[in-house]
Amino acid sequence: MPMHSNENAHPTVQVEQALNVETDNESTANHTARVELALLAGLMMLPARRVLEIAARVDERDFYDGHHRTIYAHICAAAHEMESRSEADAIVHPTVVQLRLQGTGELSHGNTASALIQATTGAHVPPSWSGVLELADGLKVQRLRRAMRTAGAGLVESAEGSADDMARALHDAGFLPSLALRAGLEVTA
């Protein structure tokens, strides 16, 4: 019998803490990791149909950490398989994700096993459905922030370079408006 979640439960304080970058002095990487782990935890407690809703909104490239990206890809693949077997209301349980990762050999790559454990322990209590939506949106904002920092550094560095360097840096920054739109920011020319 498939397990079902309480997807309408009240949001947890953890969602607010994971998204609140202003209240602590942790590095951006640690902040992003908290958001990613909290989102992964939430996804592994949702029905497959809800995971697929998030998959339509969040791209694997929104994840900074490669191990988190791998876990996310397997969560989404499991949800697709479950939907194809008419099990869209069953939870994408961490055990299902672990077995998929073991089957591909990816569980033993680097820190993937550690990341899966971190996402499934009490340190990252799975948020409610509304919390998962907030985390998914927050993840897209974090990707935009990283891209802006990278593009900004490239622009600053190229300002002292050749015309080709400047043109390349401007071209490379051209994707920022589309990332901004994905992150929910209105961009005007």
C-alpha atoms as a PDB file:
ATOM      1  CA  MET A   1       0.000   0.000   0.000  1.00  0.00           C
ATOM      2  CA  PRO A   2       1.502   3.374  -0.990  1.00  0.00           C
ATOM      3  CA  MET A   3       2.315   5.881   1.721  1.00  0.00           C
ATOM      4  CA  HIS A   4       0.595   9.246   1.536  1.00  0.00           C
ATOM      5  CA  SER A   5       1.780  12.591   2.845  1.00  0.00           C
ATOM      6  CA  ASN A   6       0.122  15.487   4.571  1.00  0.00           C
ATOM      7  CA  GLU A   7       0.973  17.939   1.805  1.00  0.00           C
ATOM      8  CA  ASN A   8      -1.249  20.656   3.258  1.00  0.00           C
ATOM      9  CA  ALA A   9       0.440  20.782   6.673  1.00  0.00           C
ATOM     10  CA  HIS A  10       1.547  24.151   8.038  1.00  0.00           C
ATOM     11  CA  PRO A  11       4.917  25.407   6.767  1.00  0.00           C
ATOM     12  CA  THR A  12       7.819  24.768   9.105  1.00  0.00           C
ATOM     13  CA  VAL A  13      10.080  27.364  10.617  1.00  0.00           C
ATOM     14  CA  GLN A  14      12.903  25.574   8.796  1.00  0.00           C
ATOM     15  CA  VAL A  15      11.685  26.904   5.428  1.00  0.00           C
ATOM     16  CA  GLU A  16      11.978  30.442   6.727  1.00  0.00           C
ATOM     17  CA  GLN A  17      15.413  29.721   8.187  1.00  0.00           C
ATOM     18  CA  ALA A  18      16.640  28.072   4.981  1.00  0.00           C
ATOM     19  CA  LEU A  19      15.517  31.004   2.851  1.00  0.00           C
ATOM     20  CA  ASN A  20      16.576  33.773   5.234  1.00  0.00           C
ATOM     21  CA  VAL A  21      20.032  34.790   4.077  1.00  0.00           C
ATOM     22  CA  GLU A  22      20.035  38.064   6.044  1.00  0.00           C
ATOM     23  CA  THR A  23      19.929  36.625   9.590  1.00  0.00           C
ATOM     24  CA  ASP A  24      23.181  34.708   9.734  1.00  0.00           C
ATOM     25  CA  ASN A  25      26.787  35.042   8.630  1.00  0.00           C
ATOM     26  CA  GLU A  26      27.108  31.689   6.858  1.00  0.00           C
ATOM     27  CA  SER A  27      28.616  31.650   3.417  1.00  0.00           C
ATOM     28  CA  THR A  28      26.419  31.650   0.334  1.00  0.00           C
ATOM     29  CA  ALA A  29      27.449  28.054  -0.370  1.00  0.00           C
ATOM     30  CA  ASN A  30      26.239  26.908   3.073  1.00  0.00           C
ATOM     31  CA  HIS A  31      23.015  28.861   2.633  1.00  0.00           C
ATOM     32  CA  THR A  32      22.431  27.303  -0.784  1.00  0.00           C
ATOM     33  CA  ALA A  33      23.173  23.841   0.618  1.00  0.00           C
ATOM     34  CA  ARG A  34      20.536  24.339   3.347  1.00  0.00           C
ATOM     35  CA  VAL A  35      17.931  25.354   0.756  1.00  0.00           C
ATOM     36  CA  GLU A  36      18.831  22.422  -1.488  1.00  0.00           C
ATOM     37  CA  LEU A  37      18.779  19.845   1.325  1.00  0.00           C
ATOM     38  CA  ALA A  38      15.487  21.149   2.704  1.00  0.00           C
ATOM     39  CA  LEU A  39      13.948  20.975  -0.780  1.00  0.00           C
ATOM     40  CA  LEU A  40      15.222  17.431  -1.329  1.00  0.00           C
ATOM     41  CA  ALA A  41      13.840  16.410   2.075  1.00  0.00           C
ATOM     42  CA  GLY A  42      10.461  17.861   1.191  1.00  0.00           C
ATOM     43  CA  LEU A  43      10.354  16.205  -2.228  1.00  0.00           C
ATOM     44  CA  MET A  44      11.025  12.776  -0.737  1.00  0.00           C
ATOM     45  CA  MET A  45       7.905  13.104   1.382  1.00  0.00           C
ATOM     46  CA  LEU A  46       5.536  14.195  -1.380  1.00  0.00           C
ATOM     47  CA  PRO A  47       3.391  12.225  -3.788  1.00  0.00           C
ATOM     48  CA  ALA A  48       4.952  11.673  -7.221  1.00  0.00           C
ATOM     49  CA  ARG A  49       2.427  14.036  -8.843  1.00  0.00           C
ATOM     50  CA  ARG A  50       3.614  16.900  -6.615  1.00  0.00           C
ATOM     51  CA  VAL A  51       7.270  16.098  -7.335  1.00  0.00           C
ATOM     52  CA  LEU A  52       6.473  16.361 -11.037  1.00  0.00           C
ATOM     53  CA  GLU A  53       4.920  19.792 -10.456  1.00  0.00           C
ATOM     54  CA  ILE A  54       8.212  20.915  -8.924  1.00  0.00           C
ATOM     55  CA  ALA A  55      10.176  19.247 -11.733  1.00  0.00           C
ATOM     56  CA  ALA A  56       8.284  21.464 -14.181  1.00  0.00           C
ATOM     57  CA  ARG A  57       9.472  24.533 -12.227  1.00  0.00           C
ATOM     58  CA  VAL A  58      12.987  23.598 -11.115  1.00  0.00           C
ATOM     59  CA  ASP A  59      15.796  22.649 -13.461  1.00  0.00           C
ATOM     60  CA  GLU A  60      18.629  20.358 -12.312  1.00  0.00           C
ATOM     61  CA  ARG A  61      20.992  23.255 -13.059  1.00  0.00           C
ATOM     62  CA  ASP A  62      19.290  25.266 -10.299  1.00  0.00           C
ATOM     63  CA  PHE A  63      21.157  23.043  -7.828  1.00  0.00           C
ATOM     64  CA  TYR A  64      24.657  24.265  -7.025  1.00  0.00           C
ATOM     65  CA  ASP A  65      25.880  21.046  -5.414  1.00  0.00           C
ATOM     66  CA  GLY A  66      26.449  18.246  -7.913  1.00  0.00           C
ATOM     67  CA  HIS A  67      25.455  15.546  -5.417  1.00  0.00           C
ATOM     68  CA  HIS A  68      22.187  17.352  -4.689  1.00  0.00           C
ATOM     69  CA  ARG A  69      21.647  17.669  -8.445  1.00  0.00           C
ATOM     70  CA  THR A  70      22.115  13.892  -8.824  1.00  0.00           C
ATOM     71  CA  ILE A  71      19.670  13.138  -6.006  1.00  0.00           C
ATOM     72  CA  TYR A  72      17.122  15.559  -7.485  1.00  0.00           C
ATOM     73  CA  ALA A  73      17.413  13.886 -10.893  1.00  0.00           C
ATOM     74  CA  HIS A  74      16.700  10.490  -9.309  1.00  0.00           C
ATOM     75  CA  ILE A  75      13.768  11.831  -7.294  1.00  0.00           C
ATOM     76  CA  CYS A  76      12.250  13.208 -10.513  1.00  0.00           C
ATOM     77  CA  ALA A  77      12.958  10.022 -12.476  1.00  0.00           C
ATOM     78  CA  ALA A  78      11.338   7.942  -9.727  1.00  0.00           C
ATOM     79  CA  ALA A  79       8.289  10.234  -9.780  1.00  0.00           C
ATOM     80  CA  HIS A  80       7.997   9.816 -13.566  1.00  0.00           C
ATOM     81  CA  GLU A  81       8.207   6.029 -13.228  1.00  0.00           C
ATOM     82  CA  MET A  82       5.619   6.023 -10.453  1.00  0.00           C
ATOM     83  CA  GLU A  83       3.269   8.150 -12.527  1.00  0.00           C
ATOM     84  CA  SER A  84       3.648   5.780 -15.492  1.00  0.00           C
ATOM     85  CA  ARG A  85       2.626   2.900 -13.182  1.00  0.00           C
ATOM     86  CA  SER A  86      -0.457   4.870 -12.033  1.00  0.00           C
ATOM     87  CA  GLU A  87       1.118   5.473  -8.623  1.00  0.00           C
ATOM     88  CA  ALA A  88       1.075   9.277  -8.806  1.00  0.00           C
ATOM     89  CA  ASP A  89      -0.340   9.551  -5.265  1.00  0.00           C
ATOM     90  CA  ALA A  90       2.405   7.401  -3.724  1.00  0.00           C
ATOM     91  CA  ILE A  91       5.285   9.111  -1.940  1.00  0.00           C
ATOM     92  CA  VAL A  92       8.709   9.215  -3.567  1.00  0.00           C
ATOM     93  CA  HIS A  93      10.288   7.670  -0.480  1.00  0.00           C
ATOM     94  CA  PRO A  94      14.018   8.075   0.270  1.00  0.00           C
ATOM     95  CA  THR A  95      14.458   4.299   0.002  1.00  0.00           C
ATOM     96  CA  VAL A  96      13.284   4.427  -3.616  1.00  0.00           C
ATOM     97  CA  VAL A  97      15.847   7.150  -4.333  1.00  0.00           C
ATOM     98  CA  GLN A  98      18.589   5.227  -2.523  1.00  0.00           C
ATOM     99  CA  LEU A  99      17.883   2.071  -4.535  1.00  0.00           C
ATOM    100  CA  ARG A 100      17.986   4.049  -7.795  1.00  0.00           C
ATOM    101  CA  LEU A 101      21.311   5.608  -6.827  1.00  0.00           C
ATOM    102  CA  GLN A 102      22.720   2.204  -5.855  1.00  0.00           C
ATOM    103  CA  GLY A 103      21.516   0.702  -9.118  1.00  0.00           C
ATOM    104  CA  THR A 104      23.429   3.269 -11.163  1.00  0.00           C
ATOM    105  CA  GLY A 105      26.493   3.204  -8.929  1.00  0.00           C
ATOM    106  CA  GLU A 106      26.068   6.897  -8.127  1.00  0.00           C
ATOM    107  CA  LEU A 107      25.507   6.336  -4.410  1.00  0.00           C
ATOM    108  CA  SER A 108      29.223   5.605  -4.040  1.00  0.00           C
ATOM    109  CA  HIS A 109      30.327   8.702  -6.006  1.00  0.00           C
ATOM    110  CA  GLY A 110      31.889  11.319  -3.763  1.00  0.00           C
ATOM    111  CA  ASN A 111      29.501  12.576  -1.119  1.00  0.00           C
ATOM    112  CA  THR A 112      26.226  11.493  -2.718  1.00  0.00           C
ATOM    113  CA  ALA A 113      25.468   9.026   0.092  1.00  0.00           C
ATOM    114  CA  SER A 114      26.269  11.671   2.692  1.00  0.00           C
ATOM    115  CA  ALA A 115      24.040  14.202   0.925  1.00  0.00           C
ATOM    116  CA  LEU A 116      21.163  11.705   0.833  1.00  0.00           C
ATOM    117  CA  ILE A 117      21.606  11.007   4.537  1.00  0.00           C
ATOM    118  CA  GLN A 118      21.686  14.743   5.300  1.00  0.00           C
ATOM    119  CA  ALA A 119      18.470  15.277   3.334  1.00  0.00           C
ATOM    120  CA  THR A 120      16.686  12.488   5.192  1.00  0.00           C
ATOM    121  CA  THR A 121      17.719  13.211   8.784  1.00  0.00           C
ATOM    122  CA  GLY A 122      15.966  15.375  11.332  1.00  0.00           C
ATOM    123  CA  ALA A 123      18.269  18.288  10.495  1.00  0.00           C
ATOM    124  CA  HIS A 124      16.149  18.906   7.397  1.00  0.00           C
ATOM    125  CA  VAL A 125      12.584  18.274   8.473  1.00  0.00           C
ATOM    126  CA  PRO A 126      10.449  17.942   5.348  1.00  0.00           C
ATOM    127  CA  PRO A 127       8.418  21.098   4.816  1.00  0.00           C
ATOM    128  CA  SER A 128       4.773  21.248   3.795  1.00  0.00           C
ATOM    129  CA  TRP A 129       3.706  21.631   0.165  1.00  0.00           C
ATOM    130  CA  SER A 130       3.697  25.425   0.461  1.00  0.00           C
ATOM    131  CA  GLY A 131       7.163  25.237   2.010  1.00  0.00           C
ATOM    132  CA  VAL A 132       8.425  23.114  -0.864  1.00  0.00           C
ATOM    133  CA  LEU A 133       7.080  25.708  -3.308  1.00  0.00           C
ATOM    134  CA  GLU A 134       8.895  28.471  -1.396  1.00  0.00           C
ATOM    135  CA  LEU A 135      12.123  26.478  -1.375  1.00  0.00           C
ATOM    136  CA  ALA A 136      11.844  25.774  -5.119  1.00  0.00           C
ATOM    137  CA  ASP A 137      11.418  29.488  -5.795  1.00  0.00           C
ATOM    138  CA  GLY A 138      14.278  30.281  -3.412  1.00  0.00           C
ATOM    139  CA  LEU A 139      16.528  27.843  -5.236  1.00  0.00           C
ATOM    140  CA  LYS A 140      15.930  29.690  -8.510  1.00  0.00           C
ATOM    141  CA  VAL A 141      16.807  32.981  -6.788  1.00  0.00           C
ATOM    142  CA  GLN A 142      20.026  31.434  -5.449  1.00  0.00           C
ATOM    143  CA  ARG A 143      20.977  30.295  -8.964  1.00  0.00           C
ATOM    144  CA  LEU A 144      20.362  33.831 -10.225  1.00  0.00           C
ATOM    145  CA  ARG A 145      22.544  35.272  -7.441  1.00  0.00           C
ATOM    146  CA  ARG A 146      25.396  32.887  -8.329  1.00  0.00           C
ATOM    147  CA  ALA A 147      25.071  33.719 -12.033  1.00  0.00           C
ATOM    148  CA  MET A 148      25.052  37.451 -11.307  1.00  0.00           C
ATOM    149  CA  ARG A 149      28.211  37.154  -9.183  1.00  0.00           C
ATOM    150  CA  THR A 150      29.962  35.176 -11.914  1.00  0.00           C
ATOM    151  CA  ALA A 151      28.828  37.523 -14.692  1.00  0.00           C
ATOM    152  CA  GLY A 152      29.706  40.563 -12.580  1.00  0.00           C
ATOM    153  CA  ALA A 153      33.216  39.273 -11.931  1.00  0.00           C
ATOM    154  CA  GLY A 154      33.612  38.609 -15.656  1.00  0.00           C
ATOM    155  CA  LEU A 155      32.430  42.101 -16.524  1.00  0.00           C
ATOM    156  CA  VAL A 156      34.779  43.734 -14.021  1.00  0.00           C
ATOM    157  CA  GLU A 157      37.729  41.649 -15.201  1.00  0.00           C
ATOM    158  CA  SER A 158      37.004  42.286 -18.884  1.00  0.00           C
ATOM    159  CA  ALA A 159      36.775  46.054 -18.336  1.00  0.00           C
ATOM    160  CA  GLU A 160      40.579  46.096 -18.311  1.00  0.00           C
ATOM    161  CA  GLY A 161      40.883  43.692 -21.239  1.00  0.00           C
ATOM    162  CA  SER A 162      40.556  43.877 -24.988  1.00  0.00           C
ATOM    163  CA  ALA A 163      37.428  44.744 -26.936  1.00  0.00           C
ATOM    164  CA  ASP A 164      36.995  41.010 -27.575  1.00  0.00           C
ATOM    165  CA  ASP A 165      37.169  40.329 -23.825  1.00  0.00           C
ATOM    166  CA  MET A 166      34.515  42.971 -23.173  1.00  0.00           C
ATOM    167  CA  ALA A 167      32.261  41.668 -25.955  1.00  0.00           C
ATOM    168  CA  ARG A 168      32.584  38.100 -24.643  1.00  0.00           C
ATOM    169  CA  ALA A 169      31.756  39.182 -21.073  1.00  0.00           C
ATOM    170  CA  LEU A 170      28.701  41.120 -22.267  1.00  0.00           C
ATOM    171  CA  HIS A 171      27.570  38.134 -24.324  1.00  0.00           C
ATOM    172  CA  ASP A 172      28.090  35.792 -21.366  1.00  0.00           C
ATOM    173  CA  ALA A 173      25.922  38.047 -19.165  1.00  0.00           C
ATOM    174  CA  GLY A 174      23.088  37.942 -21.716  1.00  0.00           C
ATOM    175  CA  PHE A 175      21.351  34.987 -20.047  1.00  0.00           C
ATOM    176  CA  LEU A 176      20.755  36.894 -16.793  1.00  0.00           C
ATOM    177  CA  PRO A 177      17.347  38.360 -17.787  1.00  0.00           C
ATOM    178  CA  SER A 178      15.929  34.897 -18.535  1.00  0.00           C
ATOM    179  CA  LEU A 179      17.227  33.562 -15.204  1.00  0.00           C
ATOM    180  CA  ALA A 180      15.734  36.610 -13.490  1.00  0.00           C
ATOM    181  CA  LEU A 181      12.329  35.924 -15.051  1.00  0.00           C
ATOM    182  CA  ARG A 182      12.512  32.280 -13.907  1.00  0.00           C
ATOM    183  CA  ALA A 183      13.306  33.550 -10.404  1.00  0.00           C
ATOM    184  CA  GLY A 184      10.200  35.736 -10.432  1.00  0.00           C
ATOM    185  CA  LEU A 185      11.828  39.115 -11.024  1.00  0.00           C
ATOM    186  CA  GLU A 186      10.331  41.525 -13.491  1.00  0.00           C
ATOM    187  CA  VAL A 187      13.022  42.659 -15.903  1.00  0.00           C
ATOM    188  CA  THR A 188      12.547  45.699 -18.089  1.00  0.00           C
ATOM    189  CA  ALA A 189      14.868  47.035 -20.750  1.00  0.00           C
END
